C-alpha cells in the first residue's frame, strides 16, 4: 500500500521511503539504524522539522581540515564530521538531519545489513 515507513527512536521520527521494502520485509524484528559521521547534516537547534534529531555537543575535536563533534542525543551518543569552518562549540544545541538515502539498517539480532 501507500503506507509510510517511519523509523522511530527516542526523539526521532524519521520517514524512510527509500527503505520501505527492506523494513516491511523485516516485519517485527528490532532494527538498528546506522549512519556514518560525514552523512549527518548539522543545523541550528530549531528542531521543528520532521526527521531531525536534537542533540547537544559534548566534545569538539579538531582534526585538521575537519572537526569531529561528539554529540549527546535522546537516541544515544553520535559523532558528526563537519567542515573545519564550523563554529559549533561544546555545549551548543544543534539539530541533526539524517538523509534517508544514507542510512544503514541492521537486524538487531543477527547484525545483518538489511540494505545489502
N, C-alpha and C. Protein backbone atom coordinates (compact mmCIF):
# COMPACT_ATOMS: atom_id res chain seq x y z
N UNK A 1 0.82 -1.20 0.00
CA UNK A 1 0.00 0.00 0.00
C UNK A 1 0.85 1.25 0.00
N UNK A 2 0.19 2.37 0.21
CA UNK A 2 0.87 3.65 0.20
C UNK A 2 1.32 4.05 1.60
N UNK A 3 1.22 3.12 2.55
CA UNK A 3 1.58 3.45 3.93
C UNK A 3 3.01 3.94 4.04
N UNK A 4 3.20 4.90 4.93
CA UNK A 4 4.53 5.47 5.12
C UNK A 4 5.33 4.60 6.07
N UNK A 5 6.62 4.49 5.79
CA UNK A 5 7.51 3.75 6.69
C UNK A 5 8.32 4.77 7.47
N UNK A 6 8.23 4.68 8.80
CA UNK A 6 8.90 5.65 9.66
C UNK A 6 9.75 4.90 10.68
N UNK A 7 11.02 5.33 10.80
CA UNK A 7 11.89 4.79 11.85
C UNK A 7 11.70 5.66 13.08
N UNK A 8 11.33 5.04 14.20
CA UNK A 8 11.11 5.82 15.41
C UNK A 8 12.08 5.39 16.49
N UNK A 9 12.70 6.39 17.11
CA UNK A 9 13.56 6.18 18.26
C UNK A 9 13.31 7.35 19.19
N UNK A 10 13.91 7.34 20.37
CA UNK A 10 13.71 8.45 21.29
C UNK A 10 14.11 9.75 20.62
N UNK A 11 13.18 10.68 20.51
CA UNK A 11 13.50 12.00 19.97
C UNK A 11 13.59 12.04 18.46
N UNK A 12 13.26 10.93 17.78
CA UNK A 12 13.43 10.89 16.33
C UNK A 12 12.23 10.23 15.67
N UNK A 13 11.75 10.88 14.62
CA UNK A 13 10.63 10.37 13.84
C UNK A 13 11.07 10.53 12.38
N UNK A 14 11.68 9.49 11.82
CA UNK A 14 12.38 9.62 10.54
C UNK A 14 11.70 8.82 9.44
N UNK A 15 11.04 9.51 8.50
CA UNK A 15 10.46 8.78 7.36
C UNK A 15 11.58 8.19 6.51
N UNK A 16 11.42 6.93 6.13
CA UNK A 16 12.45 6.24 5.34
C UNK A 16 11.84 5.65 4.06
N UNK A 17 11.38 6.52 3.16
CA UNK A 17 10.77 5.99 1.94
C UNK A 17 11.72 5.13 1.11
N UNK A 18 13.03 5.44 1.15
CA UNK A 18 13.99 4.69 0.35
C UNK A 18 14.18 3.26 0.87
N UNK A 19 13.75 2.99 2.09
CA UNK A 19 14.00 1.69 2.72
C UNK A 19 12.71 0.90 2.95
N UNK A 20 11.64 1.35 2.32
CA UNK A 20 10.31 0.78 2.60
C UNK A 20 10.27 -0.74 2.44
N UNK A 21 10.79 -1.25 1.32
CA UNK A 21 10.70 -2.70 1.09
C UNK A 21 11.46 -3.50 2.14
N UNK A 22 12.68 -3.03 2.47
CA UNK A 22 13.50 -3.77 3.42
C UNK A 22 12.88 -3.76 4.82
N UNK A 23 12.29 -2.61 5.20
CA UNK A 23 11.69 -2.53 6.52
C UNK A 23 10.43 -3.39 6.59
N UNK A 24 9.65 -3.40 5.51
CA UNK A 24 8.46 -4.24 5.51
C UNK A 24 8.85 -5.71 5.58
N UNK A 25 9.95 -6.07 4.90
CA UNK A 25 10.41 -7.46 4.92
C UNK A 25 10.92 -7.85 6.31
N UNK A 26 11.42 -6.89 7.06
CA UNK A 26 11.95 -7.17 8.40
C UNK A 26 10.83 -7.50 9.38
N UNK A 27 9.62 -7.04 9.07
CA UNK A 27 8.47 -7.38 9.91
C UNK A 27 8.61 -6.88 11.34
N UNK A 28 8.53 -7.81 12.29
CA UNK A 28 8.54 -7.44 13.71
C UNK A 28 9.95 -7.37 14.30
N UNK A 29 10.96 -7.60 13.49
CA UNK A 29 12.33 -7.60 14.02
C UNK A 29 12.70 -6.24 14.56
N UNK A 30 13.59 -6.23 15.54
CA UNK A 30 14.18 -4.97 16.01
C UNK A 30 15.25 -4.56 15.01
N UNK A 31 15.15 -3.33 14.54
CA UNK A 31 16.06 -2.83 13.52
C UNK A 31 16.92 -1.72 14.09
N UNK A 32 18.23 -1.80 13.85
CA UNK A 32 19.15 -0.75 14.26
C UNK A 32 19.40 0.16 13.07
N UNK A 33 19.47 1.46 13.33
CA UNK A 33 19.78 2.42 12.27
C UNK A 33 21.18 2.93 12.48
N UNK A 34 21.98 2.90 11.42
CA UNK A 34 23.34 3.42 11.48
C UNK A 34 23.53 4.51 10.44
N UNK A 35 24.40 5.46 10.76
CA UNK A 35 24.75 6.48 9.78
C UNK A 35 26.20 6.90 10.01
N UNK A 36 26.92 7.09 8.91
CA UNK A 36 28.34 7.46 9.03
C UNK A 36 28.47 8.93 9.42
N UNK A 37 29.52 9.27 10.19
CA UNK A 37 29.69 10.66 10.65
C UNK A 37 29.61 11.73 9.56
N UNK A 38 30.17 11.50 8.35
CA UNK A 38 30.10 12.57 7.35
C UNK A 38 28.69 12.76 6.76
N UNK A 39 27.80 11.80 7.00
CA UNK A 39 26.48 11.88 6.39
C UNK A 39 25.45 12.62 7.26
N UNK A 40 25.79 12.89 8.52
CA UNK A 40 24.88 13.66 9.36
C UNK A 40 24.91 15.13 8.93
N UNK A 41 23.75 15.73 8.80
CA UNK A 41 23.67 17.13 8.39
C UNK A 41 23.39 17.99 9.62
N UNK A 42 24.32 18.89 9.88
CA UNK A 42 24.21 19.73 11.08
C UNK A 42 23.40 20.98 10.78
N UNK A 43 22.48 21.30 11.67
CA UNK A 43 21.68 22.51 11.52
C UNK A 43 21.54 23.22 12.85
N UNK A 44 20.82 24.32 12.84
CA UNK A 44 20.60 25.06 14.08
C UNK A 44 19.64 24.27 14.97
N UNK A 45 19.48 24.71 16.20
CA UNK A 45 18.71 23.92 17.14
C UNK A 45 17.20 24.03 16.94
N UNK A 46 16.77 24.80 15.94
CA UNK A 46 15.34 24.85 15.65
C UNK A 46 14.94 23.49 15.09
N UNK A 47 14.42 22.67 15.96
CA UNK A 47 14.22 21.26 15.62
C UNK A 47 12.77 20.95 15.28
N UNK A 48 12.10 21.86 14.56
CA UNK A 48 10.70 21.65 14.27
C UNK A 48 10.51 20.70 13.11
N UNK A 49 11.51 20.56 12.28
CA UNK A 49 11.38 19.75 11.08
C UNK A 49 11.36 18.27 11.41
N UNK A 50 10.47 17.56 10.77
CA UNK A 50 10.40 16.12 10.97
C UNK A 50 11.65 15.46 10.42
N UNK A 51 12.06 14.37 11.04
CA UNK A 51 13.23 13.65 10.55
C UNK A 51 14.54 14.26 11.03
N UNK A 52 14.44 15.19 11.98
CA UNK A 52 15.65 15.77 12.56
C UNK A 52 15.73 15.38 14.03
N UNK A 53 16.93 15.39 14.53
CA UNK A 53 17.18 14.94 15.90
C UNK A 53 17.89 16.05 16.65
N UNK A 54 17.35 16.42 17.81
CA UNK A 54 18.01 17.42 18.65
C UNK A 54 19.19 16.76 19.34
N UNK A 55 20.30 17.49 19.43
CA UNK A 55 21.49 16.94 20.09
C UNK A 55 22.28 18.06 20.73
N UNK A 56 23.13 17.68 21.68
CA UNK A 56 23.99 18.65 22.35
C UNK A 56 25.44 18.25 22.10
N UNK A 57 26.26 19.24 21.76
CA UNK A 57 27.67 18.97 21.50
C UNK A 57 28.39 18.77 22.83
N UNK A 58 28.98 17.60 23.02
CA UNK A 58 29.73 17.29 24.24
C UNK A 58 31.20 17.65 24.07
N UNK A 59 31.77 17.23 22.93
CA UNK A 59 33.19 17.44 22.67
C UNK A 59 33.36 17.90 21.23
N UNK A 60 34.23 18.90 21.04
CA UNK A 60 34.59 19.36 19.70
C UNK A 60 36.04 18.95 19.48
N UNK A 61 36.26 18.10 18.49
CA UNK A 61 37.59 17.52 18.28
C UNK A 61 38.13 17.93 16.91
N UNK A 62 38.94 19.02 16.86
CA UNK A 62 39.51 19.44 15.57
C UNK A 62 40.50 18.40 15.04
N UNK A 63 40.37 18.09 13.74
CA UNK A 63 41.24 17.11 13.11
C UNK A 63 41.75 17.68 11.79
N UNK A 64 42.38 18.83 11.83
CA UNK A 64 42.89 19.42 10.60
C UNK A 64 41.79 20.04 9.76
N UNK A 65 41.53 19.45 8.59
CA UNK A 65 40.56 20.01 7.65
C UNK A 65 39.12 19.75 8.08
N UNK A 66 38.94 18.96 9.12
CA UNK A 66 37.58 18.68 9.57
C UNK A 66 37.52 18.62 11.08
N UNK A 67 36.29 18.60 11.58
CA UNK A 67 36.06 18.57 13.02
C UNK A 67 35.12 17.40 13.31
N UNK A 68 35.43 16.66 14.35
CA UNK A 68 34.51 15.63 14.82
C UNK A 68 33.76 16.20 16.02
N UNK A 69 32.44 16.16 15.91
CA UNK A 69 31.59 16.61 17.01
C UNK A 69 31.01 15.38 17.70
N UNK A 70 31.30 15.24 18.99
CA UNK A 70 30.73 14.15 19.77
C UNK A 70 29.46 14.68 20.40
N UNK A 71 28.35 14.03 20.10
CA UNK A 71 27.03 14.57 20.42
C UNK A 71 26.26 13.64 21.35
N UNK A 72 25.48 14.26 22.22
CA UNK A 72 24.58 13.52 23.08
C UNK A 72 23.16 13.79 22.58
N UNK A 73 22.40 12.73 22.32
CA UNK A 73 21.03 12.91 21.83
C UNK A 73 20.11 11.93 22.54
N UNK A 74 18.80 12.15 22.45
CA UNK A 74 17.87 11.20 23.07
C UNK A 74 18.02 9.80 22.49
N UNK A 75 18.53 9.70 21.25
CA UNK A 75 18.69 8.39 20.62
C UNK A 75 20.08 7.80 20.89
N UNK A 76 20.87 8.44 21.73
CA UNK A 76 22.19 7.91 22.06
C UNK A 76 23.31 8.85 21.67
N UNK A 77 24.54 8.41 21.87
CA UNK A 77 25.71 9.22 21.52
C UNK A 77 26.02 9.06 20.04
N UNK A 78 26.34 10.18 19.41
CA UNK A 78 26.61 10.20 17.97
C UNK A 78 27.88 10.98 17.71
N UNK A 79 28.46 10.74 16.54
CA UNK A 79 29.60 11.53 16.09
C UNK A 79 29.25 12.09 14.72
N UNK A 80 29.45 13.40 14.55
CA UNK A 80 29.27 14.03 13.25
C UNK A 80 30.60 14.58 12.79
N UNK A 81 30.86 14.47 11.49
CA UNK A 81 32.09 15.03 10.92
C UNK A 81 31.70 16.25 10.10
N UNK A 82 32.26 17.40 10.48
CA UNK A 82 31.89 18.65 9.82
C UNK A 82 33.13 19.38 9.32
N UNK A 83 32.90 20.37 8.50
CA UNK A 83 33.97 21.17 7.93
C UNK A 83 34.68 21.97 9.02
N UNK A 84 35.96 22.25 8.83
CA UNK A 84 36.74 22.96 9.85
C UNK A 84 36.24 24.39 10.07
N UNK A 85 35.43 24.91 9.14
CA UNK A 85 34.89 26.27 9.31
C UNK A 85 33.70 26.30 10.28
N UNK A 86 33.21 25.13 10.66
CA UNK A 86 32.03 25.05 11.53
C UNK A 86 32.33 25.72 12.88
N UNK A 87 31.44 26.62 13.28
CA UNK A 87 31.66 27.40 14.50
C UNK A 87 31.04 26.78 15.75
N UNK A 88 30.44 25.62 15.61
CA UNK A 88 29.77 24.99 16.75
C UNK A 88 30.78 24.65 17.84
N UNK A 89 30.38 24.88 19.08
CA UNK A 89 31.26 24.66 20.24
C UNK A 89 30.64 23.64 21.20
N UNK A 90 31.47 23.10 22.08
CA UNK A 90 30.95 22.21 23.13
C UNK A 90 29.91 22.96 23.94
N UNK A 91 28.81 22.29 24.24
CA UNK A 91 27.72 22.90 24.98
C UNK A 91 26.61 23.43 24.09
N UNK A 92 26.89 23.59 22.79
CA UNK A 92 25.86 24.08 21.87
C UNK A 92 24.80 23.01 21.62
N UNK A 93 23.57 23.49 21.43
CA UNK A 93 22.49 22.60 21.00
C UNK A 93 22.37 22.71 19.49
N UNK A 94 22.23 21.57 18.83
CA UNK A 94 22.14 21.56 17.38
C UNK A 94 21.00 20.63 16.96
N UNK A 95 20.72 20.65 15.69
CA UNK A 95 19.72 19.77 15.10
C UNK A 95 20.42 18.95 14.03
N UNK A 96 20.19 17.64 14.03
CA UNK A 96 20.85 16.76 13.07
C UNK A 96 19.86 16.28 12.03
N UNK A 97 20.22 16.44 10.78
CA UNK A 97 19.44 15.87 9.70
C UNK A 97 20.03 14.53 9.31
N UNK A 98 19.17 13.57 9.07
CA UNK A 98 19.61 12.22 8.72
C UNK A 98 19.04 11.91 7.34
N UNK A 99 19.86 12.02 6.29
CA UNK A 99 19.35 11.77 4.95
C UNK A 99 18.96 10.31 4.78
N UNK A 100 17.73 10.06 4.38
CA UNK A 100 17.26 8.68 4.38
C UNK A 100 17.97 7.81 3.35
N UNK A 101 18.61 8.45 2.36
CA UNK A 101 19.32 7.63 1.37
C UNK A 101 20.75 7.32 1.81
N UNK A 102 21.13 7.73 3.02
CA UNK A 102 22.48 7.41 3.53
C UNK A 102 22.44 6.54 4.78
N UNK A 103 21.25 6.11 5.19
CA UNK A 103 21.20 5.31 6.41
C UNK A 103 21.56 3.85 6.11
N UNK A 104 21.96 3.16 7.15
CA UNK A 104 22.21 1.72 7.10
C UNK A 104 21.27 1.09 8.12
N UNK A 105 20.63 0.01 7.75
CA UNK A 105 19.70 -0.67 8.65
C UNK A 105 20.20 -2.07 8.92
N UNK A 106 20.17 -2.46 10.18
CA UNK A 106 20.69 -3.76 10.58
C UNK A 106 19.66 -4.51 11.40
N UNK A 107 19.64 -5.82 11.24
CA UNK A 107 18.85 -6.69 12.10
C UNK A 107 19.55 -6.71 13.46
N UNK A 108 18.84 -6.33 14.51
CA UNK A 108 19.47 -6.20 15.83
C UNK A 108 19.99 -7.54 16.33
N UNK A 109 19.35 -8.64 15.92
CA UNK A 109 19.76 -9.95 16.42
C UNK A 109 20.96 -10.51 15.68
N UNK A 110 20.94 -10.42 14.35
CA UNK A 110 21.99 -11.04 13.54
C UNK A 110 23.06 -10.05 13.10
N UNK A 111 22.81 -8.73 13.29
CA UNK A 111 23.70 -7.67 12.83
C UNK A 111 23.80 -7.62 11.30
N UNK A 112 22.92 -8.33 10.60
CA UNK A 112 22.96 -8.36 9.15
C UNK A 112 22.45 -7.03 8.59
N UNK A 113 23.13 -6.52 7.58
CA UNK A 113 22.72 -5.28 6.93
C UNK A 113 21.50 -5.56 6.08
N UNK A 114 20.38 -4.94 6.41
CA UNK A 114 19.13 -5.20 5.69
C UNK A 114 19.12 -4.56 4.31
N UNK A 115 20.03 -3.63 4.05
CA UNK A 115 20.04 -2.93 2.78
C UNK A 115 21.09 -3.49 1.82
N UNK A 116 21.85 -4.47 2.29
CA UNK A 116 22.93 -5.02 1.45
C UNK A 116 22.36 -5.84 0.30
